[in-house]
Amino acid sequence: MTYYLIHKKYGEDKMKIILVKHGKCESSIQKIIAGHSDTPLTEVGRKQAKSLAGDFLKNGIKFDAVYSWDTLRASETTNIICEILGINDVVYDKRLREYNVGIFTGRKISSLTKEEKDFLNNTLIDLNLKTPGGESDKKMTVCVKEAFFEIINNHPEASTILLIGHGGTLNHILVRILNLLPSKLEERFEPCIMNILERKSKDEVWNLTRFNNKEL
């Protein structure tokens, strides 16, 4: 697989953020709604993380900072990548967690009734609709937005930053916060594949230059 080469010589003034969804995990195999629960990577997921780290090395990609969500499937992916890259400093931020689905956590998708499926679909339309024991889409957006802007404001514009986490959180960054994900593309993030954000300066808008490793 060919990856987009990111190197300082291509623009010292640019800030680049590489968004990566965690590797394949057990809950996705069993089609279980994971939410905030801890679910480990599968062997395939571990290989995906190692492969991505290898591509970072091969292309000479160096990170000024690494951030990760704190749930197991994300932190395990992060640990594998950082061990290979020789990175010791990682910031784990719970504000970047996946959507808290409350009473639906741990449920198999096949076990949901039509009413339950309709309710979950409606949470994506009515952003104030809260899942019992969980949170609303609006609350998640507020948390993710706070963390995202705190991250970019804490680093100079020449920084290259790695963010590793969940598809739902990445979706919030690109769709709800930055309004960048093209409608023609499926809003599903492939595991351990690069999605690249770039901007020339603080006064410039963000550009999504790669989605699921496809150049835009």
N, C-alpha and C. Protein backbone atom coordinates (compact mmCIF):
# COMPACT_ATOMS: atom_id res chain seq x y z
N MET A 1 0.85 -1.19 0.00
CA MET A 1 0.00 0.00 0.00
C MET A 1 0.89 1.24 0.00
N THR A 2 0.58 2.23 -0.83
CA THR A 2 1.37 3.45 -0.93
C THR A 2 0.79 4.52 -0.02
N TYR A 3 1.64 5.10 0.79
CA TYR A 3 1.21 6.14 1.71
C TYR A 3 1.74 7.50 1.29
N TYR A 4 0.99 8.53 1.66
CA TYR A 4 1.37 9.90 1.38
C TYR A 4 2.60 10.25 2.20
N LEU A 5 3.64 10.75 1.57
CA LEU A 5 4.88 11.07 2.25
C LEU A 5 4.77 12.42 2.94
N ILE A 6 4.99 12.43 4.22
CA ILE A 6 4.96 13.67 4.99
C ILE A 6 6.36 13.91 5.52
N HIS A 7 6.93 15.03 5.21
CA HIS A 7 8.27 15.33 5.68
C HIS A 7 8.39 16.84 5.83
N LYS A 8 9.20 17.28 6.73
CA LYS A 8 9.34 18.71 6.99
C LYS A 8 9.72 19.50 5.74
N LYS A 9 10.49 18.89 4.83
CA LYS A 9 10.95 19.62 3.65
C LYS A 9 9.79 20.01 2.73
N TYR A 10 8.62 19.40 2.90
CA TYR A 10 7.48 19.72 2.07
C TYR A 10 6.70 20.93 2.57
N GLY A 11 7.19 21.59 3.59
CA GLY A 11 6.50 22.79 4.08
C GLY A 11 6.70 22.98 5.56
N GLU A 12 7.77 23.71 5.92
CA GLU A 12 8.07 23.90 7.32
C GLU A 12 6.96 24.64 8.05
N ASP A 13 6.21 25.46 7.33
CA ASP A 13 5.21 26.30 7.97
C ASP A 13 3.89 25.59 8.20
N LYS A 14 3.73 24.40 7.64
CA LYS A 14 2.45 23.71 7.73
C LYS A 14 2.31 22.90 9.01
N MET A 15 1.12 22.95 9.60
CA MET A 15 0.80 22.01 10.66
C MET A 15 0.07 20.85 10.02
N LYS A 16 0.47 19.65 10.37
CA LYS A 16 -0.15 18.45 9.83
C LYS A 16 -0.64 17.59 10.98
N ILE A 17 -1.86 17.11 10.85
CA ILE A 17 -2.42 16.19 11.84
C ILE A 17 -2.83 14.92 11.12
N ILE A 18 -2.28 13.81 11.56
CA ILE A 18 -2.64 12.52 10.98
C ILE A 18 -3.61 11.84 11.93
N LEU A 19 -4.82 11.61 11.44
CA LEU A 19 -5.87 10.95 12.21
C LEU A 19 -5.90 9.48 11.83
N VAL A 20 -5.84 8.61 12.83
CA VAL A 20 -5.81 7.17 12.58
C VAL A 20 -6.81 6.46 13.48
N LYS A 21 -7.68 5.68 12.87
CA LYS A 21 -8.58 4.83 13.66
C LYS A 21 -7.80 3.62 14.16
N HIS A 22 -8.14 3.14 15.35
CA HIS A 22 -7.50 1.97 15.94
C HIS A 22 -7.60 0.76 15.02
N GLY A 23 -6.77 -0.25 15.28
CA GLY A 23 -6.81 -1.48 14.49
C GLY A 23 -8.08 -2.28 14.73
N LYS A 24 -8.28 -3.29 13.92
CA LYS A 24 -9.46 -4.15 14.03
C LYS A 24 -9.53 -4.75 15.43
N CYS A 25 -10.72 -4.67 16.03
CA CYS A 25 -10.87 -5.14 17.41
C CYS A 25 -11.93 -6.23 17.53
N GLU A 26 -11.97 -6.86 18.69
CA GLU A 26 -12.86 -8.00 18.92
C GLU A 26 -14.34 -7.61 18.79
N SER A 27 -14.70 -6.42 19.24
CA SER A 27 -16.10 -6.03 19.19
C SER A 27 -16.59 -5.88 17.75
N SER A 28 -15.70 -5.45 16.84
CA SER A 28 -16.11 -5.31 15.44
C SER A 28 -16.31 -6.68 14.80
N ILE A 29 -15.51 -7.65 15.22
CA ILE A 29 -15.65 -9.02 14.71
C ILE A 29 -16.99 -9.60 15.14
N GLN A 30 -17.33 -9.36 16.41
CA GLN A 30 -18.57 -9.91 16.96
C GLN A 30 -19.77 -9.00 16.72
N LYS A 31 -19.54 -7.87 16.04
CA LYS A 31 -20.60 -6.89 15.75
C LYS A 31 -21.31 -6.45 17.03
N ILE A 32 -20.47 -6.04 17.98
CA ILE A 32 -20.95 -5.56 19.27
C ILE A 32 -20.75 -4.05 19.35
N ILE A 33 -21.72 -3.34 19.95
CA ILE A 33 -21.59 -1.90 20.14
C ILE A 33 -20.65 -1.66 21.32
N ALA A 34 -19.46 -1.14 21.02
CA ALA A 34 -18.43 -1.03 22.04
C ALA A 34 -18.58 0.22 22.91
N GLY A 35 -18.79 1.38 22.28
CA GLY A 35 -18.90 2.62 23.05
C GLY A 35 -17.66 2.87 23.89
N HIS A 36 -17.85 3.10 25.19
CA HIS A 36 -16.74 3.36 26.10
C HIS A 36 -16.08 2.10 26.64
N SER A 37 -16.61 0.94 26.30
CA SER A 37 -16.08 -0.30 26.87
C SER A 37 -14.70 -0.63 26.30
N ASP A 38 -13.95 -1.41 27.07
CA ASP A 38 -12.63 -1.84 26.62
C ASP A 38 -12.75 -3.15 25.86
N THR A 39 -12.26 -3.13 24.64
CA THR A 39 -12.23 -4.34 23.83
C THR A 39 -10.87 -4.43 23.16
N PRO A 40 -10.19 -5.56 23.24
CA PRO A 40 -8.82 -5.66 22.71
C PRO A 40 -8.77 -5.75 21.19
N LEU A 41 -7.60 -5.50 20.66
CA LEU A 41 -7.37 -5.69 19.23
C LEU A 41 -7.36 -7.17 18.91
N THR A 42 -7.71 -7.50 17.70
CA THR A 42 -7.52 -8.86 17.20
C THR A 42 -6.07 -8.97 16.73
N GLU A 43 -5.65 -10.16 16.37
CA GLU A 43 -4.31 -10.33 15.84
C GLU A 43 -4.14 -9.53 14.54
N VAL A 44 -5.21 -9.50 13.76
CA VAL A 44 -5.19 -8.68 12.54
C VAL A 44 -4.98 -7.22 12.89
N GLY A 45 -5.66 -6.75 13.93
CA GLY A 45 -5.53 -5.36 14.35
C GLY A 45 -4.11 -5.03 14.78
N ARG A 46 -3.46 -5.96 15.48
CA ARG A 46 -2.07 -5.73 15.90
C ARG A 46 -1.14 -5.66 14.69
N LYS A 47 -1.40 -6.52 13.71
CA LYS A 47 -0.58 -6.50 12.49
C LYS A 47 -0.80 -5.20 11.72
N GLN A 48 -2.04 -4.69 11.73
CA GLN A 48 -2.32 -3.43 11.05
C GLN A 48 -1.54 -2.29 11.68
N ALA A 49 -1.48 -2.28 13.03
CA ALA A 49 -0.75 -1.23 13.73
C ALA A 49 0.74 -1.31 13.43
N LYS A 50 1.28 -2.53 13.41
CA LYS A 50 2.71 -2.71 13.10
C LYS A 50 3.02 -2.29 11.67
N SER A 51 2.11 -2.61 10.76
CA SER A 51 2.31 -2.25 9.36
C SER A 51 2.32 -0.74 9.17
N LEU A 52 1.40 -0.05 9.84
CA LEU A 52 1.34 1.40 9.73
C LEU A 52 2.60 2.04 10.31
N ALA A 53 3.05 1.54 11.45
CA ALA A 53 4.29 2.06 12.05
C ALA A 53 5.46 1.86 11.09
N GLY A 54 5.50 0.71 10.42
CA GLY A 54 6.55 0.44 9.46
C GLY A 54 6.53 1.43 8.31
N ASP A 55 5.34 1.81 7.87
CA ASP A 55 5.23 2.79 6.79
C ASP A 55 5.68 4.18 7.24
N PHE A 56 5.38 4.53 8.49
CA PHE A 56 5.87 5.80 9.02
C PHE A 56 7.40 5.82 8.98
N LEU A 57 8.02 4.73 9.42
CA LEU A 57 9.48 4.64 9.41
C LEU A 57 10.04 4.70 8.00
N LYS A 58 9.45 3.92 7.11
CA LYS A 58 9.93 3.83 5.73
C LYS A 58 9.89 5.18 5.04
N ASN A 59 8.86 5.97 5.34
CA ASN A 59 8.70 7.27 4.70
C ASN A 59 9.34 8.41 5.48
N GLY A 60 10.02 8.08 6.58
CA GLY A 60 10.70 9.12 7.34
C GLY A 60 9.78 10.10 8.03
N ILE A 61 8.59 9.64 8.39
CA ILE A 61 7.63 10.51 9.05
C ILE A 61 7.95 10.58 10.55
N LYS A 62 8.14 11.78 11.04
CA LYS A 62 8.45 11.98 12.45
C LYS A 62 7.38 12.86 13.08
N PHE A 63 6.97 12.49 14.29
CA PHE A 63 5.90 13.20 14.97
C PHE A 63 6.43 14.05 16.11
N ASP A 64 5.88 15.25 16.22
CA ASP A 64 6.24 16.14 17.32
C ASP A 64 5.41 15.85 18.56
N ALA A 65 4.27 15.20 18.37
CA ALA A 65 3.41 14.85 19.50
C ALA A 65 2.46 13.73 19.10
N VAL A 66 2.08 12.91 20.09
CA VAL A 66 1.13 11.82 19.85
C VAL A 66 0.03 11.89 20.90
N TYR A 67 -1.20 11.85 20.42
CA TYR A 67 -2.37 11.85 21.31
C TYR A 67 -3.21 10.63 21.01
N SER A 68 -3.82 10.08 22.06
CA SER A 68 -4.63 8.89 21.90
C SER A 68 -5.83 8.94 22.83
N TRP A 69 -6.90 8.26 22.41
CA TRP A 69 -8.02 8.05 23.30
C TRP A 69 -7.55 7.01 24.32
N ASP A 70 -8.21 6.91 25.47
CA ASP A 70 -7.69 6.08 26.55
C ASP A 70 -8.33 4.69 26.63
N THR A 71 -9.23 4.34 25.73
CA THR A 71 -9.82 3.00 25.77
C THR A 71 -8.83 1.98 25.19
N LEU A 72 -9.03 0.71 25.51
CA LEU A 72 -8.05 -0.33 25.23
C LEU A 72 -7.71 -0.45 23.75
N ARG A 73 -8.72 -0.49 22.87
CA ARG A 73 -8.45 -0.69 21.46
C ARG A 73 -7.63 0.44 20.85
N ALA A 74 -7.81 1.66 21.39
CA ALA A 74 -7.02 2.80 20.91
C ALA A 74 -5.64 2.81 21.53
N SER A 75 -5.57 2.62 22.85
CA SER A 75 -4.27 2.68 23.53
C SER A 75 -3.36 1.53 23.09
N GLU A 76 -3.94 0.35 22.82
CA GLU A 76 -3.13 -0.78 22.36
C GLU A 76 -2.54 -0.48 20.99
N THR A 77 -3.34 0.11 20.11
CA THR A 77 -2.84 0.51 18.79
C THR A 77 -1.72 1.53 18.94
N THR A 78 -1.93 2.50 19.82
CA THR A 78 -0.94 3.55 20.05
C THR A 78 0.36 2.98 20.59
N ASN A 79 0.26 2.09 21.56
CA ASN A 79 1.45 1.50 22.17
C ASN A 79 2.29 0.73 21.15
N ILE A 80 1.64 -0.02 20.27
CA ILE A 80 2.35 -0.78 19.25
C ILE A 80 3.10 0.16 18.32
N ILE A 81 2.41 1.19 17.83
CA ILE A 81 3.02 2.14 16.91
C ILE A 81 4.18 2.89 17.57
N CYS A 82 3.95 3.37 18.79
CA CYS A 82 4.97 4.17 19.47
C CYS A 82 6.20 3.34 19.86
N GLU A 83 5.99 2.09 20.20
CA GLU A 83 7.13 1.23 20.53
C GLU A 83 8.04 1.07 19.32
N ILE A 84 7.44 0.87 18.15
CA ILE A 84 8.22 0.70 16.92
C ILE A 84 8.91 2.00 16.52
N LEU A 85 8.24 3.13 16.73
CA LEU A 85 8.81 4.42 16.36
C LEU A 85 9.75 4.98 17.43
N GLY A 86 9.80 4.33 18.58
CA GLY A 86 10.68 4.81 19.65
C GLY A 86 10.14 6.05 20.35
N ILE A 87 8.83 6.19 20.40
CA ILE A 87 8.19 7.34 21.05
C ILE A 87 7.75 6.96 22.46
N ASN A 88 8.19 7.74 23.43
CA ASN A 88 7.86 7.44 24.83
C ASN A 88 6.76 8.31 25.40
N ASP A 89 6.59 9.49 24.83
CA ASP A 89 5.62 10.44 25.38
C ASP A 89 4.32 10.43 24.58
N VAL A 90 3.25 9.99 25.23
CA VAL A 90 1.92 9.97 24.62
C VAL A 90 0.93 10.60 25.60
N VAL A 91 0.03 11.41 25.07
CA VAL A 91 -1.02 12.01 25.90
C VAL A 91 -2.31 11.24 25.66
N TYR A 92 -2.88 10.67 26.73
CA TYR A 92 -4.15 9.96 26.63
C TYR A 92 -5.25 10.87 27.18
N ASP A 93 -6.23 11.15 26.35
CA ASP A 93 -7.25 12.13 26.71
C ASP A 93 -8.64 11.50 26.61
N LYS A 94 -9.32 11.39 27.74
CA LYS A 94 -10.64 10.75 27.76
C LYS A 94 -11.71 11.58 27.06
N ARG A 95 -11.43 12.85 26.82
CA ARG A 95 -12.39 13.69 26.09
C ARG A 95 -12.52 13.25 24.63
N LEU A 96 -11.56 12.47 24.16
CA LEU A 96 -11.54 12.02 22.77
C LEU A 96 -12.10 10.61 22.62
N ARG A 97 -12.83 10.16 23.62
CA ARG A 97 -13.42 8.82 23.55
C ARG A 97 -14.54 8.72 22.53
N GLU A 98 -14.85 7.46 22.20
CA GLU A 98 -15.99 7.17 21.33
C GLU A 98 -17.28 7.58 22.05
N TYR A 99 -18.35 7.65 21.30
CA TYR A 99 -19.68 8.00 21.80
C TYR A 99 -20.10 7.04 22.92
N ASN A 100 -20.56 7.60 24.03
CA ASN A 100 -21.03 6.80 25.16
C ASN A 100 -22.48 6.39 24.89
N VAL A 101 -22.69 5.12 24.55
CA VAL A 101 -24.03 4.65 24.17
C VAL A 101 -24.82 4.10 25.35
N GLY A 102 -24.32 4.27 26.56
CA GLY A 102 -25.08 3.92 27.75
C GLY A 102 -25.55 2.48 27.79
N ILE A 103 -26.87 2.26 27.89
CA ILE A 103 -27.43 0.92 28.04
C ILE A 103 -27.22 0.03 26.82
N PHE A 104 -26.80 0.62 25.71
CA PHE A 104 -26.56 -0.17 24.51
C PHE A 104 -25.13 -0.73 24.47
N THR A 105 -24.29 -0.31 25.39
CA THR A 105 -22.91 -0.77 25.43
C THR A 105 -22.85 -2.29 25.61
N GLY A 106 -22.10 -2.94 24.76
CA GLY A 106 -21.93 -4.39 24.85
C GLY A 106 -23.02 -5.20 24.16
N ARG A 107 -24.02 -4.53 23.60
CA ARG A 107 -25.10 -5.23 22.92
C ARG A 107 -24.67 -5.62 21.50
N LYS A 108 -25.10 -6.80 21.07
CA LYS A 108 -24.89 -7.18 19.68
C LYS A 108 -25.89 -6.44 18.82
N ILE A 109 -25.42 -5.97 17.68
CA ILE A 109 -26.31 -5.22 16.79
C ILE A 109 -27.51 -6.07 16.39
N SER A 110 -27.29 -7.35 16.21
CA SER A 110 -28.37 -8.25 15.79
C SER A 110 -29.45 -8.41 16.86
N SER A 111 -29.14 -8.05 18.11
CA SER A 111 -30.11 -8.21 19.20
C SER A 111 -31.01 -6.99 19.37
N LEU A 112 -30.70 -5.90 18.69
CA LEU A 112 -31.49 -4.68 18.84
C LEU A 112 -32.86 -4.81 18.18
N THR A 113 -33.86 -4.28 18.84
CA THR A 113 -35.19 -4.25 18.25
C THR A 113 -35.25 -3.11 17.23
N LYS A 114 -36.30 -3.08 16.44
CA LYS A 114 -36.46 -2.00 15.46
C LYS A 114 -36.53 -0.65 16.18
N GLU A 115 -37.24 -0.63 17.31
CA GLU A 115 -37.39 0.61 18.07
C GLU A 115 -36.02 1.09 18.58
N GLU A 116 -35.21 0.15 19.03
CA GLU A 116 -33.89 0.52 19.53
C GLU A 116 -32.99 1.04 18.40
N LYS A 117 -33.06 0.40 17.25
CA LYS A 117 -32.28 0.86 16.10
C LYS A 117 -32.73 2.25 15.67
N ASP A 118 -34.04 2.45 15.66
CA ASP A 118 -34.58 3.77 15.29
C ASP A 118 -34.12 4.84 16.28
N PHE A 119 -34.09 4.48 17.56
CA PHE A 119 -33.66 5.43 18.59
C PHE A 119 -32.20 5.84 18.35
N LEU A 120 -31.34 4.86 18.13
CA LEU A 120 -29.92 5.16 17.90
C LEU A 120 -29.73 5.99 16.64
N ASN A 121 -30.48 5.70 15.60
CA ASN A 121 -30.40 6.50 14.38
C ASN A 121 -30.85 7.94 14.63
N ASN A 122 -31.84 8.08 15.49
CA ASN A 122 -32.36 9.42 15.78
C ASN A 122 -31.38 10.27 16.59
N THR A 123 -30.47 9.61 17.32
CA THR A 123 -29.47 10.39 18.07
C THR A 123 -28.52 11.13 17.13
N LEU A 124 -28.43 10.66 15.88
CA LEU A 124 -27.58 11.33 14.89
C LEU A 124 -28.30 12.50 14.23
N ILE A 125 -29.61 12.57 14.44
CA ILE A 125 -30.42 13.64 13.87
C ILE A 125 -30.73 14.70 14.92
N ASP A 126 -31.24 14.23 16.07
CA ASP A 126 -31.50 15.11 17.19
C ASP A 126 -30.28 15.07 18.11
N LEU A 127 -29.41 16.06 17.98
CA LEU A 127 -28.13 16.04 18.69
C LEU A 127 -28.28 16.18 20.20
N ASN A 128 -29.46 16.56 20.66
CA ASN A 128 -29.69 16.69 22.11
C ASN A 128 -30.27 15.41 22.71
N LEU A 129 -30.59 14.45 21.85
CA LEU A 129 -31.18 13.20 22.33
C LEU A 129 -30.11 12.35 23.02
N LYS A 130 -30.35 12.04 24.28
CA LYS A 130 -29.36 11.33 25.09
C LYS A 130 -29.72 9.86 25.22
N THR A 131 -28.74 9.00 25.05
CA THR A 131 -28.97 7.58 25.27
C THR A 131 -29.05 7.33 26.78
N PRO A 132 -30.00 6.52 27.24
CA PRO A 132 -30.11 6.23 28.68
C PRO A 132 -28.79 5.71 29.24
N GLY A 133 -28.30 6.39 30.26
CA GLY A 133 -27.03 6.00 30.87
C GLY A 133 -25.83 6.45 30.08
N GLY A 134 -26.05 7.15 28.98
CA GLY A 134 -24.96 7.59 28.12
C GLY A 134 -24.94 9.10 27.96
N GLU A 135 -24.71 9.54 26.72
CA GLU A 135 -24.61 10.96 26.45
C GLU A 135 -25.29 11.32 25.13
N SER A 136 -25.43 12.59 24.89
CA SER A 136 -25.98 13.07 23.62
C SER A 136 -24.84 13.31 22.63
N ASP A 137 -25.20 13.35 21.36
CA ASP A 137 -24.22 13.65 20.32
C ASP A 137 -23.63 15.04 20.54
N LYS A 138 -24.46 15.95 21.01
CA LYS A 138 -24.00 17.32 21.26
C LYS A 138 -22.93 17.35 22.34
N LYS A 139 -23.14 16.59 23.42
CA LYS A 139 -22.16 16.57 24.51
C LYS A 139 -20.83 16.01 24.02
N MET A 140 -20.89 14.95 23.21
CA MET A 140 -19.65 14.38 22.68
C MET A 140 -18.93 15.40 21.81
N THR A 141 -19.68 16.13 20.98
CA THR A 141 -19.08 17.13 20.10
C THR A 141 -18.36 18.21 20.91
N VAL A 142 -18.99 18.65 22.00
CA VAL A 142 -18.39 19.68 22.85
C VAL A 142 -17.06 19.19 23.43
N CYS A 143 -17.03 17.95 23.92
CA CYS A 143 -15.81 17.39 24.51
C CYS A 143 -14.70 17.24 23.48
N VAL A 144 -15.05 16.69 22.32
CA VAL A 144 -14.05 16.47 21.27
C VAL A 144 -13.51 17.80 20.75
N LYS A 145 -14.40 18.77 20.57
CA LYS A 145 -13.98 20.09 20.07
C LYS A 145 -13.02 20.76 21.05
N GLU A 146 -13.33 20.68 22.33
CA GLU A 146 -12.48 21.27 23.36
C GLU A 146 -11.08 20.66 23.32
N ALA A 147 -11.02 19.32 23.24
CA ALA A 147 -9.74 18.63 23.22
C ALA A 147 -8.96 18.93 21.94
N PHE A 148 -9.65 18.91 20.80
CA PHE A 148 -8.99 19.12 19.51
C PHE A 148 -8.33 20.48 19.43
N PHE A 149 -9.06 21.55 19.78
CA PHE A 149 -8.49 22.89 19.69
C PHE A 149 -7.42 23.12 20.76
N GLU A 150 -7.53 22.46 21.88
CA GLU A 150 -6.49 22.55 22.89
C GLU A 150 -5.20 21.94 22.36
N ILE A 151 -5.32 20.83 21.66
CA ILE A 151 -4.14 20.17 21.08
C ILE A 151 -3.44 21.07 20.08
N ILE A 152 -4.19 21.59 19.10
CA ILE A 152 -3.54 22.38 18.06
C ILE A 152 -3.00 23.71 18.58
N ASN A 153 -3.62 24.24 19.62
CA ASN A 153 -3.14 25.50 20.19
C ASN A 153 -1.90 25.31 21.04
N ASN A 154 -1.62 24.07 21.44
CA ASN A 154 -0.45 23.79 22.27
C ASN A 154 0.81 23.51 21.48
N HIS A 155 0.71 23.57 20.14
CA HIS A 155 1.87 23.24 19.30
C HIS A 155 2.09 24.28 18.22
N PRO A 156 3.36 24.53 17.86
CA PRO A 156 3.65 25.50 16.79
C PRO A 156 3.16 24.99 15.44
N GLU A 157 3.05 25.90 14.49
CA GLU A 157 2.46 25.57 13.20
C GLU A 157 3.28 24.57 12.39
N ALA A 158 4.55 24.40 12.68
CA ALA A 158 5.37 23.45 11.92
C ALA A 158 5.23 22.02 12.43
N SER A 159 4.36 21.81 13.40
CA SER A 159 4.25 20.49 14.05
C SER A 159 3.53 19.47 13.18
N THR A 160 3.95 18.21 13.35
CA THR A 160 3.23 17.07 12.78
C THR A 160 2.74 16.24 13.96
N ILE A 161 1.43 16.08 14.06
CA ILE A 161 0.80 15.47 15.23
C ILE A 161 0.05 14.22 14.83
N LEU A 162 0.17 13.18 15.64
CA LEU A 162 -0.54 11.93 15.41
C LEU A 162 -1.67 11.79 16.43
N LEU A 163 -2.90 11.59 15.94
CA LEU A 163 -4.06 11.34 16.80
C LEU A 163 -4.61 9.97 16.47
N ILE A 164 -4.66 9.11 17.47
CA ILE A 164 -5.13 7.74 17.27
C ILE A 164 -6.37 7.51 18.11
N GLY A 165 -7.43 7.00 17.49
CA GLY A 165 -8.64 6.77 18.26
C GLY A 165 -9.73 6.04 17.54
N HIS A 166 -10.97 6.50 17.73
CA HIS A 166 -12.16 5.81 17.25
C HIS A 166 -12.77 6.49 16.03
N GLY A 167 -13.47 5.70 15.23
CA GLY A 167 -14.13 6.23 14.05
C GLY A 167 -15.11 7.34 14.38
N GLY A 168 -15.87 7.16 15.46
CA GLY A 168 -16.86 8.16 15.84
C GLY A 168 -16.23 9.50 16.18
N THR A 169 -15.11 9.47 16.89
CA THR A 169 -14.43 10.70 17.26
C THR A 169 -13.82 11.38 16.05
N LEU A 170 -13.20 10.60 15.17
CA LEU A 170 -12.63 11.16 13.95
C LEU A 170 -13.73 11.79 13.10
N ASN A 171 -14.88 11.13 13.06
CA ASN A 171 -16.01 11.65 12.32
C ASN A 171 -16.44 13.01 12.87
N HIS A 172 -16.47 13.14 14.19
CA HIS A 172 -16.85 14.40 14.81
C HIS A 172 -15.86 15.52 14.45
N ILE A 173 -14.57 15.19 14.44
CA ILE A 173 -13.56 16.20 14.10
C ILE A 173 -13.76 16.69 12.66
N LEU A 174 -13.93 15.76 11.74
CA LEU A 174 -13.99 16.13 10.32
C LEU A 174 -15.37 16.63 9.90
N VAL A 175 -16.43 16.09 10.48
CA VAL A 175 -17.79 16.45 10.04
C VAL A 175 -18.39 17.56 10.89
N ARG A 176 -18.46 17.37 12.20
CA ARG A 176 -19.19 18.31 13.05
C ARG A 176 -18.36 19.53 13.45
N ILE A 177 -17.04 19.35 13.59
CA ILE A 177 -16.20 20.45 14.06
C ILE A 177 -15.59 21.25 12.90
N LEU A 178 -15.00 20.56 11.92
CA LEU A 178 -14.33 21.24 10.82
C LEU A 178 -15.13 21.28 9.53
N ASN A 179 -16.21 20.48 9.46
CA ASN A 179 -17.06 20.44 8.26
C ASN A 179 -16.24 20.18 7.00
N LEU A 180 -15.39 19.16 7.04
CA LEU A 180 -14.46 18.90 5.96
C LEU A 180 -14.70 17.61 5.19
N LEU A 181 -15.42 16.66 5.77
CA LEU A 181 -15.55 15.37 5.11
C LEU A 181 -16.49 15.49 3.93
N PRO A 182 -16.00 15.22 2.73
CA PRO A 182 -16.84 15.34 1.53
C PRO A 182 -18.05 14.41 1.60
N SER A 183 -19.20 14.92 1.21
CA SER A 183 -20.43 14.13 1.28
C SER A 183 -20.40 12.94 0.34
N LYS A 184 -19.56 13.00 -0.70
CA LYS A 184 -19.50 11.91 -1.67
C LYS A 184 -18.79 10.68 -1.11
N LEU A 185 -18.10 10.86 0.01
CA LEU A 185 -17.37 9.74 0.61
C LEU A 185 -18.15 9.13 1.75
N GLU A 186 -18.01 7.82 1.92
CA GLU A 186 -18.63 7.17 3.07
C GLU A 186 -17.94 7.66 4.33
N GLU A 187 -18.73 7.90 5.36
CA GLU A 187 -18.18 8.42 6.60
C GLU A 187 -17.76 7.27 7.52
N ARG A 188 -17.03 6.34 6.95
CA ARG A 188 -16.50 5.23 7.72
C ARG A 188 -14.98 5.23 7.60
N PHE A 189 -14.31 5.15 8.72
CA PHE A 189 -12.87 5.19 8.73
C PHE A 189 -12.30 3.77 8.77
N GLU A 190 -11.39 3.50 7.87
CA GLU A 190 -10.76 2.18 7.84
C GLU A 190 -9.71 2.10 8.95
N PRO A 191 -9.53 0.92 9.55
CA PRO A 191 -8.57 0.78 10.65
C PRO A 191 -7.13 0.96 10.20
N CYS A 192 -6.38 1.73 11.01
CA CYS A 192 -4.94 1.95 10.79
C CYS A 192 -4.62 2.46 9.39
N ILE A 193 -5.43 3.41 8.93
CA ILE A 193 -5.21 4.08 7.66
C ILE A 193 -5.13 5.58 7.92
N MET A 194 -4.25 6.28 7.21
CA MET A 194 -4.05 7.70 7.45
C MET A 194 -5.15 8.58 6.87
N ASN A 195 -5.55 9.56 7.67
CA ASN A 195 -6.41 10.65 7.25
C ASN A 195 -5.64 11.91 7.62
N ILE A 196 -5.41 12.79 6.65
CA ILE A 196 -4.46 13.88 6.87
C ILE A 196 -5.12 15.25 6.78
N LEU A 197 -4.91 16.02 7.85
CA LEU A 197 -5.34 17.41 7.91
C LEU A 197 -4.12 18.31 7.79
N GLU A 198 -4.23 19.41 7.03
CA GLU A 198 -3.13 20.34 6.90
C GLU A 198 -3.65 21.77 6.91
N ARG A 199 -2.84 22.69 7.44
CA ARG A 199 -3.12 24.11 7.29
C ARG A 199 -1.79 24.86 7.23
N LYS A 200 -1.76 25.97 6.50
CA LYS A 200 -0.53 26.71 6.29
C LYS A 200 -0.19 27.62 7.47
N SER A 201 -1.22 28.12 8.14
CA SER A 201 -0.99 28.99 9.29
C SER A 201 -2.27 29.04 10.12
N LYS A 202 -2.19 29.68 11.26
CA LYS A 202 -3.35 29.79 12.14
C LYS A 202 -4.48 30.58 11.49
N ASP A 203 -4.13 31.41 10.52
CA ASP A 203 -5.13 32.23 9.84
C ASP A 203 -5.79 31.49 8.67
N GLU A 204 -5.27 30.33 8.33
CA GLU A 204 -5.79 29.57 7.20
C GLU A 204 -6.76 28.48 7.67
N VAL A 205 -7.64 28.06 6.77
CA VAL A 205 -8.58 26.98 7.11
C VAL A 205 -7.87 25.64 6.98
N TRP A 206 -8.43 24.63 7.63
CA TRP A 206 -7.89 23.28 7.53
C TRP A 206 -8.30 22.65 6.20
N ASN A 207 -7.42 21.86 5.64
CA ASN A 207 -7.70 21.10 4.43
C ASN A 207 -7.56 19.61 4.72
N LEU A 208 -8.52 18.83 4.28
CA LEU A 208 -8.42 17.38 4.38
C LEU A 208 -7.79 16.90 3.08
N THR A 209 -6.52 16.49 3.14
CA THR A 209 -5.80 16.12 1.92
C THR A 209 -5.81 14.62 1.65
N ARG A 210 -6.11 13.85 2.69
CA ARG A 210 -6.25 12.39 2.53
C ARG A 210 -7.39 11.90 3.38
N PHE A 211 -8.21 10.99 2.82
CA PHE A 211 -9.25 10.31 3.58
C PHE A 211 -9.15 8.84 3.27
N ASN A 212 -8.95 8.02 4.33
CA ASN A 212 -8.71 6.58 4.12
C ASN A 212 -7.62 6.34 3.07
N ASN A 213 -6.57 7.18 3.17
CA ASN A 213 -5.40 7.11 2.30
C ASN A 213 -5.68 7.42 0.84
N LYS A 214 -6.83 8.03 0.57
CA LYS A 214 -7.13 8.46 -0.80
C LYS A 214 -6.90 9.95 -0.90
N GLU A 215 -6.10 10.35 -1.88
CA GLU A 215 -5.80 11.75 -2.06
C GLU A 215 -7.04 12.51 -2.52
N LEU A 216 -7.30 13.67 -1.89
CA LEU A 216 -8.47 14.47 -2.23
C LEU A 216 -8.07 15.68 -3.07
